[in-house]
Structure formats: C-alpha cells, structure tokens
Amino acid sequence: MKVYFDANYSQYIARAFNFFELTGRENEVFSTVQVLYEDASDEEIVKYVAENKGVLFTKDSDFVKVQLIIELMKSYNIGLFYLKTPKKEIYWDTILILTKAYMKSRLIFQTKYIPYYYEIMSNGNIKERLL
C-alpha cells in the first residue's frame, strides 16, 4: 500500500514511517510535499493519492468538512485517516498518537477496500466514520 502524509505533517514524519517499513516493505510512505509540492490543492492531493492507489493521513479539517472533498474521495477511491488536533497541539504528543494510529491502520490497509474514512482519536485509537 502507498501511504501519504499531507503537508500538514512534517515530511520527516513520512520519512520516519517509511524507514520503519523497510523491513517488511508491505507499505511505502511518502509526504505529499515529496511527490507533489508544498502548496498542492486538496483536489490535486486526492487525485494523486487515488492514481497511486493509496491512503492519506491528514489533519486538515477541510477533508472532513467540505462535501466536495468527500465526493472526490468516493469517486477516486482513496482511504482517509484524519487526526483532529487540539487547539494547542504538542508536537511530541501528536507523534505518539500518530505512531499508535499508524500501527493500528496497517491492518486496515491489508483488509479493507477503499474508499474509507477513519478518525484518529486523541489516544491513538482509530474509529471508522461513514463517508
């Protein structure tokens, strides 16, 4: 599976997860900044992820608020993992939450058919949401 972290996450997070995946090489992890460019639109990101049969991790609330984005996700068949961050985000807490969620999401990559949408909870658990 190809896994993408959008520009709302540091590209170094994607690189770290990709490094961890090197042993089994079941998944490849990229930053959208790495494969597109920093200011790529949400629509461009959705299209790119779909063309590469991937899933997207984001904390951009536009992905869950804007009906157009949801329709694009359905029509292009991508998976989405959304982390709702608190107003005062603590970087290392976010890394820990994201790491727990990523480890749990690996099973979803292998067993679920896209499109799907999961919310990453503040404890690192993931909860399926309806599209």
N, C-alpha and C. Protein backbone atom coordinates (compact mmCIF):
# COMPACT_ATOMS: atom_id res chain seq x y z
N MET A 1 0.85 -1.17 0.00
CA MET A 1 0.00 0.00 0.00
C MET A 1 0.90 1.24 0.00
N LYS A 2 0.47 2.24 -0.70
CA LYS A 2 1.16 3.52 -0.68
C LYS A 2 0.42 4.44 0.29
N VAL A 3 1.16 4.98 1.23
CA VAL A 3 0.60 5.81 2.29
C VAL A 3 1.18 7.21 2.14
N TYR A 4 0.31 8.20 2.19
CA TYR A 4 0.73 9.59 2.01
C TYR A 4 0.35 10.41 3.23
N PHE A 5 1.26 11.25 3.66
CA PHE A 5 1.00 12.24 4.71
C PHE A 5 1.00 13.59 4.03
N ASP A 6 -0.07 14.36 4.23
CA ASP A 6 -0.15 15.65 3.54
C ASP A 6 0.77 16.69 4.19
N ALA A 7 0.78 17.87 3.60
CA ALA A 7 1.71 18.92 4.02
C ALA A 7 1.44 19.46 5.42
N ASN A 8 0.33 19.06 6.03
CA ASN A 8 0.06 19.47 7.40
C ASN A 8 0.93 18.72 8.40
N TYR A 9 1.57 17.67 7.94
CA TYR A 9 2.55 16.93 8.75
C TYR A 9 3.94 17.22 8.20
N SER A 10 4.92 17.20 9.06
CA SER A 10 6.29 17.34 8.60
C SER A 10 6.63 16.18 7.67
N GLN A 11 7.33 16.48 6.60
CA GLN A 11 7.73 15.41 5.68
C GLN A 11 8.67 14.41 6.36
N TYR A 12 9.27 14.80 7.47
CA TYR A 12 10.15 13.90 8.19
C TYR A 12 9.37 12.80 8.91
N ILE A 13 8.11 13.05 9.22
CA ILE A 13 7.26 12.01 9.79
C ILE A 13 7.07 10.91 8.75
N ALA A 14 6.75 11.30 7.54
CA ALA A 14 6.58 10.31 6.46
C ALA A 14 7.88 9.54 6.24
N ARG A 15 8.98 10.23 6.24
CA ARG A 15 10.27 9.55 6.05
C ARG A 15 10.56 8.56 7.16
N ALA A 16 10.22 8.92 8.39
CA ALA A 16 10.45 8.02 9.53
C ALA A 16 9.59 6.77 9.39
N PHE A 17 8.30 6.93 9.08
CA PHE A 17 7.44 5.76 8.91
C PHE A 17 7.92 4.91 7.73
N ASN A 18 8.38 5.53 6.68
CA ASN A 18 8.90 4.76 5.54
C ASN A 18 10.13 3.96 5.96
N PHE A 19 10.98 4.55 6.79
CA PHE A 19 12.16 3.86 7.29
C PHE A 19 11.74 2.63 8.10
N PHE A 20 10.72 2.78 8.94
CA PHE A 20 10.24 1.65 9.74
C PHE A 20 9.66 0.54 8.86
N GLU A 21 9.12 0.91 7.72
CA GLU A 21 8.52 -0.06 6.80
C GLU A 21 9.56 -0.82 5.97
N LEU A 22 10.80 -0.41 6.01
CA LEU A 22 11.82 -1.03 5.18
C LEU A 22 11.98 -2.53 5.44
N THR A 23 11.73 -2.98 6.64
CA THR A 23 11.95 -4.39 6.96
C THR A 23 10.99 -5.29 6.20
N GLY A 24 9.70 -5.01 6.25
CA GLY A 24 8.72 -5.86 5.58
C GLY A 24 8.37 -5.38 4.19
N ARG A 25 8.53 -4.12 3.95
CA ARG A 25 8.24 -3.45 2.69
C ARG A 25 6.82 -3.72 2.20
N GLU A 26 5.89 -3.86 3.16
CA GLU A 26 4.49 -4.01 2.79
C GLU A 26 3.90 -2.69 2.33
N ASN A 27 4.40 -1.59 2.91
CA ASN A 27 3.87 -0.27 2.61
C ASN A 27 5.01 0.67 2.29
N GLU A 28 4.72 1.62 1.41
CA GLU A 28 5.65 2.70 1.13
C GLU A 28 5.00 3.98 1.63
N VAL A 29 5.77 4.81 2.31
CA VAL A 29 5.22 6.01 2.93
C VAL A 29 5.89 7.25 2.32
N PHE A 30 5.06 8.22 1.95
CA PHE A 30 5.53 9.44 1.30
C PHE A 30 4.88 10.66 1.93
N SER A 31 5.51 11.77 1.76
CA SER A 31 4.90 13.07 2.05
C SER A 31 4.37 13.61 0.72
N THR A 32 3.21 14.25 0.75
CA THR A 32 2.70 14.85 -0.49
C THR A 32 3.62 15.97 -0.97
N VAL A 33 4.35 16.57 -0.05
CA VAL A 33 5.34 17.59 -0.44
C VAL A 33 6.43 16.94 -1.29
N GLN A 34 6.79 15.73 -0.95
CA GLN A 34 7.83 14.98 -1.64
C GLN A 34 7.39 14.59 -3.06
N VAL A 35 6.13 14.18 -3.22
CA VAL A 35 5.68 13.67 -4.52
C VAL A 35 4.94 14.71 -5.36
N LEU A 36 4.45 15.76 -4.74
CA LEU A 36 3.79 16.84 -5.47
C LEU A 36 4.58 18.13 -5.21
N TYR A 37 4.02 18.98 -4.39
CA TYR A 37 4.70 20.20 -3.96
C TYR A 37 3.97 20.73 -2.74
N GLU A 38 4.58 21.64 -2.02
CA GLU A 38 4.07 22.06 -0.71
C GLU A 38 2.66 22.63 -0.74
N ASP A 39 2.34 23.42 -1.74
CA ASP A 39 1.03 24.07 -1.76
C ASP A 39 0.03 23.39 -2.69
N ALA A 40 0.18 22.09 -2.90
CA ALA A 40 -0.76 21.35 -3.75
C ALA A 40 -2.16 21.48 -3.16
N SER A 41 -3.14 21.64 -4.02
CA SER A 41 -4.53 21.78 -3.55
C SER A 41 -5.04 20.43 -3.04
N ASP A 42 -6.10 20.48 -2.25
CA ASP A 42 -6.71 19.25 -1.74
C ASP A 42 -7.14 18.35 -2.90
N GLU A 43 -7.70 18.96 -3.94
CA GLU A 43 -8.15 18.19 -5.10
C GLU A 43 -6.98 17.49 -5.79
N GLU A 44 -5.85 18.19 -5.93
CA GLU A 44 -4.67 17.58 -6.55
C GLU A 44 -4.15 16.42 -5.70
N ILE A 45 -4.18 16.61 -4.40
CA ILE A 45 -3.70 15.55 -3.50
C ILE A 45 -4.59 14.32 -3.61
N VAL A 46 -5.91 14.51 -3.56
CA VAL A 46 -6.85 13.39 -3.67
C VAL A 46 -6.63 12.65 -4.99
N LYS A 47 -6.51 13.38 -6.06
CA LYS A 47 -6.32 12.75 -7.37
C LYS A 47 -5.01 11.97 -7.41
N TYR A 48 -3.94 12.54 -6.90
CA TYR A 48 -2.64 11.86 -6.92
C TYR A 48 -2.67 10.59 -6.07
N VAL A 49 -3.23 10.68 -4.88
CA VAL A 49 -3.32 9.51 -3.99
C VAL A 49 -4.14 8.42 -4.67
N ALA A 50 -5.25 8.80 -5.31
CA ALA A 50 -6.10 7.81 -5.99
C ALA A 50 -5.38 7.15 -7.15
N GLU A 51 -4.70 7.96 -7.96
CA GLU A 51 -3.97 7.41 -9.11
C GLU A 51 -2.91 6.41 -8.67
N ASN A 52 -2.42 6.58 -7.47
CA ASN A 52 -1.37 5.69 -6.95
C ASN A 52 -1.93 4.66 -5.96
N LYS A 53 -3.26 4.54 -5.94
CA LYS A 53 -3.97 3.55 -5.12
C LYS A 53 -3.50 3.58 -3.67
N GLY A 54 -3.57 4.79 -3.10
CA GLY A 54 -3.06 4.98 -1.75
C GLY A 54 -4.09 5.43 -0.75
N VAL A 55 -3.59 5.66 0.45
CA VAL A 55 -4.39 6.23 1.54
C VAL A 55 -3.70 7.50 2.01
N LEU A 56 -4.47 8.38 2.61
CA LEU A 56 -3.97 9.69 3.01
C LEU A 56 -4.17 9.91 4.50
N PHE A 57 -3.12 10.39 5.16
CA PHE A 57 -3.19 10.84 6.54
C PHE A 57 -3.18 12.36 6.51
N THR A 58 -4.10 12.97 7.22
CA THR A 58 -4.18 14.43 7.24
C THR A 58 -4.70 14.91 8.59
N LYS A 59 -4.45 16.16 8.88
CA LYS A 59 -5.11 16.82 9.99
C LYS A 59 -5.76 18.11 9.50
N ASP A 60 -5.92 18.21 8.20
CA ASP A 60 -6.56 19.34 7.54
C ASP A 60 -8.07 19.15 7.63
N SER A 61 -8.73 19.99 8.40
CA SER A 61 -10.18 19.83 8.62
C SER A 61 -10.99 19.99 7.34
N ASP A 62 -10.43 20.58 6.30
CA ASP A 62 -11.15 20.70 5.03
C ASP A 62 -11.55 19.33 4.50
N PHE A 63 -10.75 18.32 4.78
CA PHE A 63 -11.04 16.99 4.25
C PHE A 63 -12.28 16.36 4.86
N VAL A 64 -12.69 16.81 6.01
CA VAL A 64 -13.90 16.25 6.61
C VAL A 64 -15.06 17.23 6.64
N LYS A 65 -14.82 18.47 6.28
CA LYS A 65 -15.87 19.48 6.29
C LYS A 65 -16.43 19.76 4.90
N VAL A 66 -15.60 19.70 3.92
CA VAL A 66 -16.01 20.12 2.58
C VAL A 66 -16.60 18.94 1.82
N GLN A 67 -17.85 19.04 1.46
CA GLN A 67 -18.55 17.95 0.77
C GLN A 67 -17.86 17.59 -0.54
N LEU A 68 -17.29 18.56 -1.23
CA LEU A 68 -16.59 18.29 -2.49
C LEU A 68 -15.44 17.31 -2.27
N ILE A 69 -14.70 17.50 -1.21
CA ILE A 69 -13.57 16.61 -0.93
C ILE A 69 -14.07 15.20 -0.66
N ILE A 70 -15.16 15.08 0.10
CA ILE A 70 -15.72 13.76 0.39
C ILE A 70 -16.18 13.09 -0.90
N GLU A 71 -16.81 13.84 -1.78
CA GLU A 71 -17.25 13.28 -3.06
C GLU A 71 -16.05 12.86 -3.90
N LEU A 72 -14.99 13.66 -3.88
CA LEU A 72 -13.77 13.29 -4.61
C LEU A 72 -13.18 12.00 -4.05
N MET A 73 -13.16 11.87 -2.72
CA MET A 73 -12.64 10.65 -2.11
C MET A 73 -13.42 9.43 -2.57
N LYS A 74 -14.75 9.56 -2.61
CA LYS A 74 -15.58 8.44 -3.04
C LYS A 74 -15.35 8.12 -4.51
N SER A 75 -15.35 9.14 -5.34
CA SER A 75 -15.24 8.89 -6.78
C SER A 75 -13.84 8.42 -7.17
N TYR A 76 -12.83 8.89 -6.46
CA TYR A 76 -11.46 8.48 -6.77
C TYR A 76 -11.00 7.27 -5.96
N ASN A 77 -11.81 6.85 -4.98
CA ASN A 77 -11.47 5.68 -4.16
C ASN A 77 -10.15 5.83 -3.42
N ILE A 78 -10.16 6.64 -2.38
CA ILE A 78 -9.00 6.71 -1.50
C ILE A 78 -9.45 6.43 -0.07
N GLY A 79 -8.50 6.07 0.76
CA GLY A 79 -8.74 5.94 2.18
C GLY A 79 -8.22 7.17 2.88
N LEU A 80 -8.90 7.58 3.93
CA LEU A 80 -8.50 8.79 4.65
C LEU A 80 -8.41 8.48 6.14
N PHE A 81 -7.33 8.95 6.76
CA PHE A 81 -7.14 8.89 8.21
C PHE A 81 -6.98 10.32 8.68
N TYR A 82 -7.93 10.79 9.48
CA TYR A 82 -7.95 12.19 9.89
C TYR A 82 -7.68 12.31 11.39
N LEU A 83 -6.71 13.13 11.73
CA LEU A 83 -6.37 13.42 13.12
C LEU A 83 -6.86 14.81 13.47
N LYS A 84 -7.83 14.87 14.38
CA LYS A 84 -8.31 16.16 14.85
C LYS A 84 -7.40 16.59 15.99
N THR A 85 -6.67 17.64 15.78
CA THR A 85 -5.70 18.08 16.78
C THR A 85 -6.32 19.15 17.68
N PRO A 86 -5.88 19.17 18.93
CA PRO A 86 -6.37 20.22 19.83
C PRO A 86 -5.84 21.59 19.40
N LYS A 87 -6.48 22.64 19.89
CA LYS A 87 -6.04 23.99 19.53
C LYS A 87 -4.58 24.23 19.90
N LYS A 88 -4.18 23.72 21.04
CA LYS A 88 -2.78 23.85 21.45
C LYS A 88 -2.11 22.49 21.27
N GLU A 89 -1.61 22.28 20.07
CA GLU A 89 -1.01 20.99 19.73
C GLU A 89 0.40 20.89 20.32
N ILE A 90 0.68 19.75 20.94
CA ILE A 90 2.02 19.47 21.45
C ILE A 90 2.65 18.46 20.51
N TYR A 91 3.72 18.87 19.86
CA TYR A 91 4.31 18.10 18.77
C TYR A 91 4.57 16.64 19.14
N TRP A 92 5.23 16.39 20.25
CA TRP A 92 5.60 15.01 20.60
C TRP A 92 4.38 14.18 20.96
N ASP A 93 3.37 14.78 21.52
CA ASP A 93 2.12 14.05 21.77
C ASP A 93 1.50 13.62 20.44
N THR A 94 1.53 14.51 19.48
CA THR A 94 1.00 14.20 18.15
C THR A 94 1.77 13.04 17.52
N ILE A 95 3.08 13.04 17.67
CA ILE A 95 3.90 11.95 17.11
C ILE A 95 3.51 10.62 17.76
N LEU A 96 3.33 10.61 19.07
CA LEU A 96 2.95 9.37 19.76
C LEU A 96 1.57 8.88 19.32
N ILE A 97 0.61 9.78 19.24
CA ILE A 97 -0.74 9.44 18.79
C ILE A 97 -0.70 8.90 17.37
N LEU A 98 0.03 9.58 16.51
CA LEU A 98 0.13 9.19 15.11
C LEU A 98 0.80 7.83 14.96
N THR A 99 1.82 7.57 15.75
CA THR A 99 2.52 6.28 15.69
C THR A 99 1.58 5.15 16.09
N LYS A 100 0.84 5.33 17.17
CA LYS A 100 -0.12 4.30 17.60
C LYS A 100 -1.17 4.07 16.51
N ALA A 101 -1.69 5.15 15.97
CA ALA A 101 -2.72 5.04 14.93
C ALA A 101 -2.18 4.38 13.67
N TYR A 102 -0.97 4.74 13.30
CA TYR A 102 -0.38 4.15 12.09
C TYR A 102 -0.23 2.64 12.25
N MET A 103 0.24 2.20 13.40
CA MET A 103 0.42 0.76 13.64
C MET A 103 -0.93 0.04 13.56
N LYS A 104 -1.97 0.65 14.06
CA LYS A 104 -3.30 0.03 14.00
C LYS A 104 -3.87 0.07 12.58
N SER A 105 -3.53 1.10 11.83
CA SER A 105 -4.07 1.25 10.48
C SER A 105 -3.46 0.26 9.49
N ARG A 106 -2.30 -0.27 9.80
CA ARG A 106 -1.64 -1.21 8.88
C ARG A 106 -2.54 -2.41 8.58
N LEU A 107 -3.30 -2.87 9.55
CA LEU A 107 -4.23 -3.98 9.32
C LEU A 107 -5.35 -3.55 8.37
N ILE A 108 -5.81 -2.34 8.50
CA ILE A 108 -6.85 -1.82 7.62
C ILE A 108 -6.35 -1.77 6.19
N PHE A 109 -5.09 -1.36 6.00
CA PHE A 109 -4.52 -1.30 4.65
C PHE A 109 -4.66 -2.66 3.95
N GLN A 110 -4.47 -3.72 4.71
CA GLN A 110 -4.45 -5.06 4.13
C GLN A 110 -5.83 -5.71 4.01
N THR A 111 -6.81 -5.24 4.79
CA THR A 111 -8.08 -5.96 4.84
C THR A 111 -9.29 -5.19 4.33
N LYS A 112 -9.23 -3.88 4.26
CA LYS A 112 -10.40 -3.08 3.86
C LYS A 112 -10.22 -2.58 2.43
N TYR A 113 -11.33 -2.48 1.74
CA TYR A 113 -11.33 -1.91 0.40
C TYR A 113 -11.66 -0.43 0.49
N ILE A 114 -10.91 0.37 -0.24
CA ILE A 114 -11.17 1.79 -0.25
C ILE A 114 -12.36 2.08 -1.15
N PRO A 115 -13.15 3.11 -0.91
CA PRO A 115 -12.89 4.24 -0.02
C PRO A 115 -13.31 3.94 1.43
N TYR A 116 -12.60 4.55 2.34
CA TYR A 116 -12.96 4.52 3.75
C TYR A 116 -12.42 5.76 4.43
N TYR A 117 -12.97 6.02 5.61
CA TYR A 117 -12.59 7.21 6.37
C TYR A 117 -12.52 6.82 7.83
N TYR A 118 -11.37 7.06 8.45
CA TYR A 118 -11.17 6.80 9.87
C TYR A 118 -10.72 8.07 10.56
N GLU A 119 -11.22 8.26 11.76
CA GLU A 119 -10.77 9.38 12.58
C GLU A 119 -9.78 8.84 13.60
N ILE A 120 -8.68 9.53 13.74
CA ILE A 120 -7.67 9.16 14.74
C ILE A 120 -8.04 9.88 16.03
N MET A 121 -8.28 9.10 17.06
CA MET A 121 -8.68 9.65 18.34
C MET A 121 -7.46 10.14 19.12
N SER A 122 -7.69 10.91 20.18
CA SER A 122 -6.59 11.51 20.95
C SER A 122 -5.74 10.49 21.70
N ASN A 123 -6.22 9.24 21.80
CA ASN A 123 -5.43 8.19 22.46
C ASN A 123 -4.72 7.29 21.46
N GLY A 124 -4.83 7.60 20.17
CA GLY A 124 -4.18 6.81 19.13
C GLY A 124 -5.05 5.72 18.54
N ASN A 125 -6.24 5.50 19.12
CA ASN A 125 -7.17 4.55 18.52
C ASN A 125 -7.76 5.16 17.26
N ILE A 126 -8.28 4.30 16.40
CA ILE A 126 -8.90 4.79 15.18
C ILE A 126 -10.34 4.31 15.13
N LYS A 127 -11.20 5.18 14.64
CA LYS A 127 -12.63 4.89 14.63
C LYS A 127 -13.16 5.11 13.22
N GLU A 128 -13.84 4.11 12.68
CA GLU A 128 -14.36 4.23 11.33
C GLU A 128 -15.53 5.21 11.31
N ARG A 129 -15.53 6.05 10.31
CA ARG A 129 -16.60 7.02 10.09
C ARG A 129 -17.22 6.77 8.72
N LEU A 130 -18.46 7.14 8.58
CA LEU A 130 -19.14 6.96 7.30
C LEU A 130 -18.77 8.08 6.36
N LEU A 131 -18.63 7.72 5.10
CA LEU A 131 -18.39 8.73 4.08
C LEU A 131 -19.71 9.31 3.61
